[in-house]
Amino acid sequence: MGKYSSWDFKKRDHDAKVNMNGDASVQVDKRRGRICEHADICKGYLDDQFNQIEELQDEVSPNFVEEVVALFFKDSSRLLANIERVLEKYPRDFSRLDSLMYQLIGSVSSIGALRMKNECTSFRDHCSDGNLEGCKRSFQKVKREYTTLKQKLEKYFQWLRQAGPVEQATNSRK
């Protein structure tokens, strides 16, 4: 089967072009049900690693991406709390701060959270320079990026659920 320019959903009587934030038209990819790579909602926040995770999702594991992201948020939340504790109790322990941020970068990279990764890298640069104020400023940015990413991914999964299972899509040209 070739690619189609639009899909009708049995579950919903509307075109597969989903309006996100009132301005971002998105087409659902029949084979993978992907929205995020085409949506302005995630532009600049996620890199190709996220698309690769989406590629691993199939009928056997229909919630794979959501489960991976949930694990990411659980792990990164713990790491952020640990970094915050070290900044409060041992603010000049740059080695410990760098080690914790290195772990966070690993988690962030595993889902392709590009902007968050960039802020984590900036934090590590401040650690290398022994710049406590830079670490504190950068850590606030990391937390903001975390919150923004969480909101964007929650919206992404909400739209996927609203779009319904991929099996419910039918060719509108019939």
N, C-alpha and C. Protein backbone atom coordinates (compact mmCIF):
# COMPACT_ATOMS: atom_id res chain seq x y z
N MET A 1 0.83 -1.19 0.00
CA MET A 1 0.00 0.00 0.00
C MET A 1 0.87 1.24 0.00
N GLY A 2 0.46 2.23 -0.77
CA GLY A 2 1.20 3.48 -0.79
C GLY A 2 0.77 4.38 0.35
N LYS A 3 1.43 5.53 0.43
CA LYS A 3 1.06 6.50 1.46
C LYS A 3 -0.18 7.24 1.02
N TYR A 4 -1.02 7.58 1.97
CA TYR A 4 -2.23 8.33 1.69
C TYR A 4 -2.09 9.71 2.30
N SER A 5 -2.77 10.67 1.67
CA SER A 5 -2.65 12.04 2.16
C SER A 5 -3.55 12.31 3.37
N SER A 6 -4.59 11.51 3.55
CA SER A 6 -5.42 11.69 4.74
C SER A 6 -6.06 10.36 5.13
N TRP A 7 -6.47 10.27 6.37
CA TRP A 7 -7.09 9.06 6.91
C TRP A 7 -8.33 9.46 7.66
N ASP A 8 -9.35 8.65 7.54
CA ASP A 8 -10.56 8.89 8.33
C ASP A 8 -10.56 7.91 9.49
N PHE A 9 -10.99 8.37 10.64
CA PHE A 9 -11.06 7.52 11.81
C PHE A 9 -12.49 7.07 12.03
N LYS A 10 -12.67 5.76 12.22
CA LYS A 10 -13.99 5.25 12.54
C LYS A 10 -14.43 5.77 13.90
N LYS A 11 -13.46 5.86 14.81
CA LYS A 11 -13.76 6.30 16.17
C LYS A 11 -14.22 7.76 16.19
N ARG A 12 -13.69 8.55 15.31
CA ARG A 12 -14.02 9.97 15.25
C ARG A 12 -14.36 10.32 13.80
N ASP A 13 -15.29 11.19 13.61
CA ASP A 13 -15.67 11.61 12.26
C ASP A 13 -14.90 12.86 11.88
N HIS A 14 -13.60 12.73 11.84
CA HIS A 14 -12.80 13.86 11.40
C HIS A 14 -11.56 13.38 10.68
N ASP A 15 -10.98 14.25 9.96
CA ASP A 15 -9.77 13.97 9.20
C ASP A 15 -8.63 13.71 10.17
N ALA A 16 -7.61 12.98 9.76
CA ALA A 16 -6.48 12.65 10.63
C ALA A 16 -5.61 13.86 10.90
N LYS A 17 -5.92 14.96 10.28
CA LYS A 17 -5.19 16.17 10.61
C LYS A 17 -5.71 16.65 11.95
N VAL A 18 -4.88 16.53 12.97
CA VAL A 18 -5.27 16.88 14.33
C VAL A 18 -4.76 18.27 14.61
N ASN A 19 -5.62 19.11 15.15
CA ASN A 19 -5.22 20.47 15.45
C ASN A 19 -4.71 20.52 16.89
N MET A 20 -3.40 20.79 17.04
CA MET A 20 -2.78 20.86 18.36
C MET A 20 -2.39 22.30 18.61
N ASN A 21 -2.74 22.83 19.76
CA ASN A 21 -2.48 24.23 20.13
C ASN A 21 -3.17 25.19 19.17
N GLY A 22 -4.18 24.73 18.46
CA GLY A 22 -4.93 25.59 17.58
C GLY A 22 -4.22 25.95 16.29
N ASP A 23 -2.96 25.55 16.11
CA ASP A 23 -2.28 25.99 14.90
C ASP A 23 -1.40 24.93 14.24
N ALA A 24 -1.16 23.83 14.86
CA ALA A 24 -0.24 22.85 14.31
C ALA A 24 -1.00 21.67 13.72
N SER A 25 -1.18 21.67 12.42
CA SER A 25 -1.84 20.54 11.78
C SER A 25 -0.88 19.37 11.75
N VAL A 26 -1.41 18.21 12.07
CA VAL A 26 -0.58 17.02 12.20
C VAL A 26 -1.24 15.88 11.46
N GLN A 27 -0.47 15.12 10.71
CA GLN A 27 -1.02 13.94 10.08
C GLN A 27 -0.53 12.71 10.80
N VAL A 28 -1.43 11.78 11.04
CA VAL A 28 -1.08 10.54 11.71
C VAL A 28 -0.48 9.60 10.69
N ASP A 29 0.64 9.00 11.00
CA ASP A 29 1.31 8.03 10.16
C ASP A 29 0.66 6.68 10.43
N LYS A 30 0.02 6.06 9.42
CA LYS A 30 -0.74 4.82 9.59
C LYS A 30 0.11 3.70 10.17
N ARG A 31 1.33 3.57 9.72
CA ARG A 31 2.16 2.44 10.14
C ARG A 31 2.55 2.52 11.60
N ARG A 32 2.76 3.69 12.14
CA ARG A 32 3.26 3.79 13.51
C ARG A 32 2.40 4.65 14.41
N GLY A 33 1.42 5.34 13.85
CA GLY A 33 0.58 6.21 14.68
C GLY A 33 1.36 7.37 15.24
N ARG A 34 2.42 7.81 14.55
CA ARG A 34 3.27 8.86 15.09
C ARG A 34 2.69 10.23 14.82
N ILE A 35 2.71 11.05 15.84
CA ILE A 35 2.28 12.43 15.70
C ILE A 35 3.46 13.36 15.97
N CYS A 36 4.24 13.05 16.97
CA CYS A 36 5.21 13.99 17.50
C CYS A 36 6.24 14.46 16.47
N GLU A 37 6.70 13.57 15.59
CA GLU A 37 7.74 14.01 14.66
C GLU A 37 7.22 15.04 13.68
N HIS A 38 5.93 15.10 13.47
CA HIS A 38 5.33 16.05 12.54
C HIS A 38 4.76 17.27 13.24
N ALA A 39 4.70 17.25 14.52
CA ALA A 39 3.98 18.30 15.26
C ALA A 39 4.91 19.40 15.75
N ASP A 40 4.39 20.60 15.72
CA ASP A 40 5.12 21.72 16.30
C ASP A 40 5.25 21.58 17.81
N ILE A 41 4.36 20.80 18.39
CA ILE A 41 4.35 20.63 19.84
C ILE A 41 5.68 20.11 20.38
N CYS A 42 6.37 19.29 19.62
CA CYS A 42 7.62 18.69 20.09
C CYS A 42 8.85 19.21 19.38
N LYS A 43 8.65 20.06 18.40
CA LYS A 43 9.76 20.57 17.59
C LYS A 43 10.82 21.23 18.48
N GLY A 44 12.05 20.78 18.34
CA GLY A 44 13.15 21.36 19.09
C GLY A 44 13.34 20.74 20.46
N TYR A 45 12.40 19.94 20.91
CA TYR A 45 12.50 19.33 22.23
C TYR A 45 13.01 17.90 22.17
N LEU A 46 12.71 17.22 21.08
CA LEU A 46 13.09 15.82 20.94
C LEU A 46 13.90 15.63 19.66
N ASP A 47 14.87 14.73 19.72
CA ASP A 47 15.65 14.45 18.53
C ASP A 47 15.27 13.09 17.96
N ASP A 48 16.04 12.59 17.04
CA ASP A 48 15.73 11.35 16.33
C ASP A 48 15.68 10.13 17.26
N GLN A 49 16.30 10.22 18.41
CA GLN A 49 16.26 9.09 19.35
C GLN A 49 14.81 8.76 19.73
N PHE A 50 13.99 9.77 19.90
CA PHE A 50 12.59 9.54 20.23
C PHE A 50 11.88 8.82 19.09
N ASN A 51 12.19 9.21 17.85
CA ASN A 51 11.61 8.53 16.69
C ASN A 51 12.03 7.06 16.66
N GLN A 52 13.26 6.79 17.06
CA GLN A 52 13.73 5.40 17.09
C GLN A 52 12.97 4.59 18.15
N ILE A 53 12.65 5.21 19.26
CA ILE A 53 11.84 4.54 20.29
C ILE A 53 10.45 4.25 19.72
N GLU A 54 9.89 5.22 19.01
CA GLU A 54 8.59 5.00 18.38
C GLU A 54 8.62 3.82 17.41
N GLU A 55 9.73 3.66 16.72
CA GLU A 55 9.87 2.55 15.77
C GLU A 55 9.79 1.19 16.46
N LEU A 56 10.14 1.13 17.72
CA LEU A 56 10.13 -0.14 18.47
C LEU A 56 8.73 -0.53 18.94
N GLN A 57 7.82 0.42 18.92
CA GLN A 57 6.45 0.12 19.36
C GLN A 57 5.73 -0.68 18.27
N ASP A 58 5.00 -1.71 18.69
CA ASP A 58 4.25 -2.52 17.74
C ASP A 58 2.98 -3.04 18.39
N GLU A 59 2.28 -3.96 17.71
CA GLU A 59 1.03 -4.50 18.22
C GLU A 59 1.23 -5.27 19.52
N VAL A 60 2.39 -5.90 19.67
CA VAL A 60 2.68 -6.68 20.87
C VAL A 60 2.90 -5.74 22.08
N SER A 61 3.50 -4.59 21.83
CA SER A 61 3.76 -3.60 22.88
C SER A 61 3.18 -2.26 22.46
N PRO A 62 1.85 -2.13 22.46
CA PRO A 62 1.23 -0.91 21.94
C PRO A 62 1.48 0.34 22.80
N ASN A 63 1.91 0.17 24.03
CA ASN A 63 2.18 1.31 24.92
C ASN A 63 3.67 1.46 25.22
N PHE A 64 4.49 0.88 24.38
CA PHE A 64 5.93 0.85 24.64
C PHE A 64 6.51 2.25 24.86
N VAL A 65 6.21 3.18 23.97
CA VAL A 65 6.77 4.53 24.07
C VAL A 65 6.34 5.20 25.38
N GLU A 66 5.07 5.08 25.69
CA GLU A 66 4.56 5.69 26.92
C GLU A 66 5.22 5.08 28.16
N GLU A 67 5.45 3.77 28.13
CA GLU A 67 6.11 3.11 29.26
C GLU A 67 7.55 3.56 29.40
N VAL A 68 8.28 3.70 28.28
CA VAL A 68 9.66 4.18 28.32
C VAL A 68 9.71 5.59 28.87
N VAL A 69 8.81 6.44 28.42
CA VAL A 69 8.77 7.82 28.88
C VAL A 69 8.42 7.89 30.37
N ALA A 70 7.49 7.05 30.82
CA ALA A 70 7.13 7.02 32.25
C ALA A 70 8.34 6.62 33.09
N LEU A 71 9.10 5.64 32.63
CA LEU A 71 10.32 5.25 33.35
C LEU A 71 11.33 6.39 33.37
N PHE A 72 11.45 7.08 32.25
CA PHE A 72 12.35 8.23 32.18
C PHE A 72 11.97 9.27 33.23
N PHE A 73 10.69 9.62 33.29
CA PHE A 73 10.27 10.66 34.24
C PHE A 73 10.44 10.21 35.69
N LYS A 74 10.23 8.95 35.95
CA LYS A 74 10.44 8.43 37.31
C LYS A 74 11.91 8.53 37.69
N ASP A 75 12.79 8.08 36.80
CA ASP A 75 14.23 8.09 37.07
C ASP A 75 14.77 9.52 37.13
N SER A 76 14.37 10.36 36.19
CA SER A 76 14.90 11.72 36.16
C SER A 76 14.38 12.54 37.34
N SER A 77 13.17 12.28 37.79
CA SER A 77 12.64 12.96 38.97
C SER A 77 13.51 12.66 40.19
N ARG A 78 13.88 11.40 40.33
CA ARG A 78 14.75 10.98 41.44
C ARG A 78 16.11 11.67 41.34
N LEU A 79 16.69 11.70 40.13
CA LEU A 79 17.99 12.34 39.94
C LEU A 79 17.93 13.84 40.19
N LEU A 80 16.87 14.49 39.75
CA LEU A 80 16.73 15.93 40.00
C LEU A 80 16.65 16.21 41.50
N ALA A 81 15.92 15.38 42.23
CA ALA A 81 15.82 15.55 43.69
C ALA A 81 17.19 15.36 44.34
N ASN A 82 17.95 14.38 43.87
CA ASN A 82 19.29 14.14 44.42
C ASN A 82 20.22 15.32 44.14
N ILE A 83 20.14 15.86 42.95
CA ILE A 83 20.98 17.02 42.61
C ILE A 83 20.60 18.21 43.48
N GLU A 84 19.32 18.41 43.67
CA GLU A 84 18.86 19.51 44.51
C GLU A 84 19.38 19.36 45.95
N ARG A 85 19.33 18.13 46.47
CA ARG A 85 19.84 17.88 47.83
C ARG A 85 21.33 18.18 47.94
N VAL A 86 22.10 17.75 46.95
CA VAL A 86 23.54 18.00 46.97
C VAL A 86 23.81 19.50 46.85
N LEU A 87 23.07 20.20 46.01
CA LEU A 87 23.25 21.65 45.90
C LEU A 87 22.97 22.36 47.23
N GLU A 88 22.03 21.84 48.00
CA GLU A 88 21.70 22.44 49.29
C GLU A 88 22.71 22.07 50.38
N LYS A 89 23.07 20.79 50.46
CA LYS A 89 23.92 20.32 51.55
C LYS A 89 25.41 20.40 51.26
N TYR A 90 25.80 20.14 50.03
CA TYR A 90 27.22 20.11 49.65
C TYR A 90 27.44 20.91 48.37
N PRO A 91 27.15 22.20 48.40
CA PRO A 91 27.15 23.00 47.17
C PRO A 91 28.49 23.03 46.42
N ARG A 92 29.57 22.80 47.09
CA ARG A 92 30.87 22.86 46.42
C ARG A 92 31.39 21.47 46.04
N ASP A 93 30.57 20.45 46.17
CA ASP A 93 30.98 19.10 45.78
C ASP A 93 30.68 18.91 44.28
N PHE A 94 31.51 19.58 43.48
CA PHE A 94 31.29 19.58 42.04
C PHE A 94 31.45 18.19 41.43
N SER A 95 32.28 17.38 42.03
CA SER A 95 32.46 16.01 41.54
C SER A 95 31.16 15.22 41.67
N ARG A 96 30.51 15.31 42.82
CA ARG A 96 29.25 14.61 43.04
C ARG A 96 28.15 15.18 42.14
N LEU A 97 28.10 16.50 42.04
CA LEU A 97 27.10 17.14 41.19
C LEU A 97 27.28 16.71 39.73
N ASP A 98 28.53 16.69 39.29
CA ASP A 98 28.82 16.29 37.91
C ASP A 98 28.42 14.84 37.67
N SER A 99 28.69 13.98 38.64
CA SER A 99 28.35 12.57 38.51
C SER A 99 26.83 12.36 38.40
N LEU A 100 26.09 13.07 39.22
CA LEU A 100 24.63 12.97 39.17
C LEU A 100 24.08 13.51 37.84
N MET A 101 24.65 14.62 37.40
CA MET A 101 24.18 15.20 36.14
C MET A 101 24.55 14.29 34.96
N TYR A 102 25.68 13.62 35.05
CA TYR A 102 26.08 12.66 34.02
C TYR A 102 25.04 11.54 33.91
N GLN A 103 24.56 11.07 35.06
CA GLN A 103 23.50 10.05 35.06
C GLN A 103 22.21 10.59 34.42
N LEU A 104 21.89 11.83 34.74
CA LEU A 104 20.69 12.44 34.17
C LEU A 104 20.83 12.59 32.65
N ILE A 105 22.01 12.99 32.20
CA ILE A 105 22.24 13.11 30.75
C ILE A 105 22.02 11.77 30.07
N GLY A 106 22.43 10.68 30.71
CA GLY A 106 22.20 9.36 30.15
C GLY A 106 20.71 9.09 29.97
N SER A 107 19.93 9.39 30.98
CA SER A 107 18.47 9.20 30.89
C SER A 107 17.86 10.10 29.83
N VAL A 108 18.26 11.35 29.84
CA VAL A 108 17.74 12.33 28.90
C VAL A 108 18.07 11.92 27.46
N SER A 109 19.28 11.48 27.24
CA SER A 109 19.70 11.06 25.90
C SER A 109 18.95 9.83 25.43
N SER A 110 18.59 8.95 26.37
CA SER A 110 17.93 7.71 25.99
C SER A 110 16.56 7.93 25.36
N ILE A 111 15.90 9.05 25.67
CA ILE A 111 14.61 9.34 25.03
C ILE A 111 14.72 10.46 23.99
N GLY A 112 15.90 11.03 23.85
CA GLY A 112 16.08 12.07 22.84
C GLY A 112 15.61 13.45 23.25
N ALA A 113 15.68 13.76 24.53
CA ALA A 113 15.24 15.06 25.04
C ALA A 113 16.35 16.09 24.81
N LEU A 114 16.38 16.63 23.62
CA LEU A 114 17.47 17.48 23.15
C LEU A 114 17.70 18.73 23.99
N ARG A 115 16.66 19.50 24.24
CA ARG A 115 16.85 20.75 24.98
C ARG A 115 17.27 20.50 26.42
N MET A 116 16.71 19.48 27.02
CA MET A 116 17.08 19.15 28.39
C MET A 116 18.54 18.69 28.43
N LYS A 117 18.94 17.92 27.44
CA LYS A 117 20.34 17.46 27.36
C LYS A 117 21.29 18.65 27.25
N ASN A 118 20.93 19.63 26.45
CA ASN A 118 21.78 20.81 26.30
C ASN A 118 21.94 21.56 27.62
N GLU A 119 20.87 21.68 28.38
CA GLU A 119 20.95 22.36 29.69
C GLU A 119 21.77 21.55 30.69
N CYS A 120 21.63 20.23 30.63
CA CYS A 120 22.43 19.36 31.51
C CYS A 120 23.91 19.50 31.20
N THR A 121 24.24 19.61 29.92
CA THR A 121 25.63 19.78 29.50
C THR A 121 26.17 21.11 30.00
N SER A 122 25.35 22.14 29.95
CA SER A 122 25.75 23.45 30.46
C SER A 122 26.04 23.37 31.96
N PHE A 123 25.20 22.64 32.70
CA PHE A 123 25.42 22.45 34.14
C PHE A 123 26.77 21.79 34.38
N ARG A 124 27.07 20.74 33.62
CA ARG A 124 28.35 20.04 33.78
C ARG A 124 29.54 20.95 33.46
N ASP A 125 29.36 21.83 32.48
CA ASP A 125 30.42 22.80 32.17
C ASP A 125 30.69 23.70 33.37
N HIS A 126 29.62 24.14 34.04
CA HIS A 126 29.79 24.97 35.23
C HIS A 126 30.46 24.19 36.35
N CYS A 127 30.15 22.91 36.46
CA CYS A 127 30.82 22.07 37.46
C CYS A 127 32.32 22.01 37.18
N SER A 128 32.67 21.82 35.93
CA SER A 128 34.09 21.76 35.54
C SER A 128 34.82 23.06 35.86
N ASP A 129 34.10 24.18 35.75
CA ASP A 129 34.69 25.49 36.04
C ASP A 129 34.64 25.84 37.53
N GLY A 130 33.97 25.00 38.34
CA GLY A 130 33.81 25.31 39.76
C GLY A 130 32.92 26.52 39.99
N ASN A 131 31.96 26.73 39.10
CA ASN A 131 31.09 27.90 39.13
C ASN A 131 29.75 27.53 39.78
N LEU A 132 29.66 27.74 41.09
CA LEU A 132 28.46 27.38 41.84
C LEU A 132 27.23 28.16 41.36
N GLU A 133 27.37 29.47 41.17
CA GLU A 133 26.23 30.27 40.72
C GLU A 133 25.77 29.82 39.34
N GLY A 134 26.72 29.50 38.48
CA GLY A 134 26.37 28.98 37.15
C GLY A 134 25.63 27.66 37.25
N CYS A 135 26.07 26.80 38.18
CA CYS A 135 25.39 25.52 38.40
C CYS A 135 23.95 25.75 38.85
N LYS A 136 23.77 26.67 39.78
CA LYS A 136 22.43 26.94 40.30
C LYS A 136 21.51 27.48 39.21
N ARG A 137 22.01 28.44 38.43
CA ARG A 137 21.20 29.00 37.32
C ARG A 137 20.87 27.91 36.30
N SER A 138 21.88 27.14 35.97
CA SER A 138 21.69 26.09 34.98
C SER A 138 20.73 25.02 35.49
N PHE A 139 20.80 24.70 36.77
CA PHE A 139 19.91 23.69 37.34
C PHE A 139 18.45 24.16 37.26
N GLN A 140 18.22 25.45 37.48
CA GLN A 140 16.85 25.98 37.34
C GLN A 140 16.35 25.81 35.91
N LYS A 141 17.24 26.01 34.94
CA LYS A 141 16.88 25.82 33.53
C LYS A 141 16.59 24.35 33.24
N VAL A 142 17.39 23.45 33.83
CA VAL A 142 17.17 22.01 33.64
C VAL A 142 15.78 21.66 34.16
N LYS A 143 15.43 22.17 35.33
CA LYS A 143 14.11 21.86 35.90
C LYS A 143 12.98 22.42 35.05
N ARG A 144 13.18 23.63 34.50
CA ARG A 144 12.16 24.20 33.61
C ARG A 144 12.00 23.35 32.35
N GLU A 145 13.12 22.92 31.78
CA GLU A 145 13.06 22.08 30.58
C GLU A 145 12.38 20.75 30.89
N TYR A 146 12.64 20.21 32.07
CA TYR A 146 12.01 18.96 32.50
C TYR A 146 10.49 19.14 32.54
N THR A 147 10.05 20.22 33.17
CA THR A 147 8.61 20.49 33.30
C THR A 147 7.97 20.70 31.92
N THR A 148 8.62 21.46 31.08
CA THR A 148 8.10 21.71 29.74
C THR A 148 8.04 20.42 28.93
N LEU A 149 9.09 19.62 29.00
CA LEU A 149 9.11 18.35 28.28
C LEU A 149 7.99 17.43 28.76
N LYS A 150 7.79 17.39 30.06
CA LYS A 150 6.74 16.54 30.62
C LYS A 150 5.38 16.99 30.10
N GLN A 151 5.13 18.28 30.08
CA GLN A 151 3.86 18.80 29.58
C GLN A 151 3.67 18.47 28.10
N LYS A 152 4.71 18.64 27.32
CA LYS A 152 4.62 18.37 25.88
C LYS A 152 4.38 16.89 25.61
N LEU A 153 5.07 16.03 26.34
CA LEU A 153 4.88 14.59 26.12
C LEU A 153 3.52 14.13 26.63
N GLU A 154 3.03 14.72 27.70
CA GLU A 154 1.67 14.39 28.16
C GLU A 154 0.66 14.76 27.10
N LYS A 155 0.84 15.92 26.47
CA LYS A 155 -0.06 16.35 25.40
C LYS A 155 0.07 15.40 24.20
N TYR A 156 1.27 15.00 23.87
CA TYR A 156 1.52 14.05 22.79
C TYR A 156 0.75 12.74 23.02
N PHE A 157 0.87 12.18 24.22
CA PHE A 157 0.18 10.92 24.51
C PHE A 157 -1.34 11.11 24.55
N GLN A 158 -1.78 12.26 25.00
CA GLN A 158 -3.22 12.56 24.99
C GLN A 158 -3.73 12.55 23.55
N TRP A 159 -3.01 13.17 22.64
CA TRP A 159 -3.43 13.20 21.24
C TRP A 159 -3.37 11.81 20.62
N LEU A 160 -2.39 11.03 20.98
CA LEU A 160 -2.34 9.67 20.45
C LEU A 160 -3.56 8.86 20.91
N ARG A 161 -3.91 9.01 22.17
CA ARG A 161 -5.10 8.29 22.68
C ARG A 161 -6.37 8.78 21.97
N GLN A 162 -6.48 10.07 21.73
CA GLN A 162 -7.65 10.61 21.04
C GLN A 162 -7.70 10.13 19.59
N ALA A 163 -6.55 9.98 18.97
CA ALA A 163 -6.51 9.52 17.59
C ALA A 163 -6.96 8.06 17.49
N GLY A 164 -6.82 7.33 18.58
CA GLY A 164 -7.26 5.93 18.62
C GLY A 164 -6.21 5.00 18.07
N PRO A 165 -6.46 3.71 18.20
CA PRO A 165 -5.51 2.72 17.72
C PRO A 165 -5.31 2.82 16.21
N VAL A 166 -4.12 2.49 15.77
CA VAL A 166 -3.77 2.55 14.37
C VAL A 166 -4.70 1.67 13.54
N GLU A 167 -5.15 0.53 14.09
CA GLU A 167 -6.01 -0.39 13.36
C GLU A 167 -7.34 0.25 12.98
N GLN A 168 -7.73 1.33 13.65
CA GLN A 168 -9.01 1.96 13.36
C GLN A 168 -8.94 2.92 12.19
N ALA A 169 -7.76 3.10 11.63
CA ALA A 169 -7.65 4.01 10.50
C ALA A 169 -8.04 3.29 9.22
N THR A 170 -8.77 3.99 8.35
CA THR A 170 -9.13 3.42 7.06
C THR A 170 -8.81 4.42 5.96
N ASN A 171 -8.58 3.93 4.78
CA ASN A 171 -8.26 4.79 3.65
C ASN A 171 -9.46 5.62 3.28
N SER A 172 -9.32 6.93 3.24
CA SER A 172 -10.43 7.82 2.93
C SER A 172 -10.70 7.88 1.43
N ARG A 173 -9.84 7.31 0.60
CA ARG A 173 -10.01 7.36 -0.85
C ARG A 173 -10.92 6.25 -1.36
N LYS A 174 -11.37 5.36 -0.50
CA LYS A 174 -12.24 4.25 -0.94
C LYS A 174 -13.59 4.74 -1.34
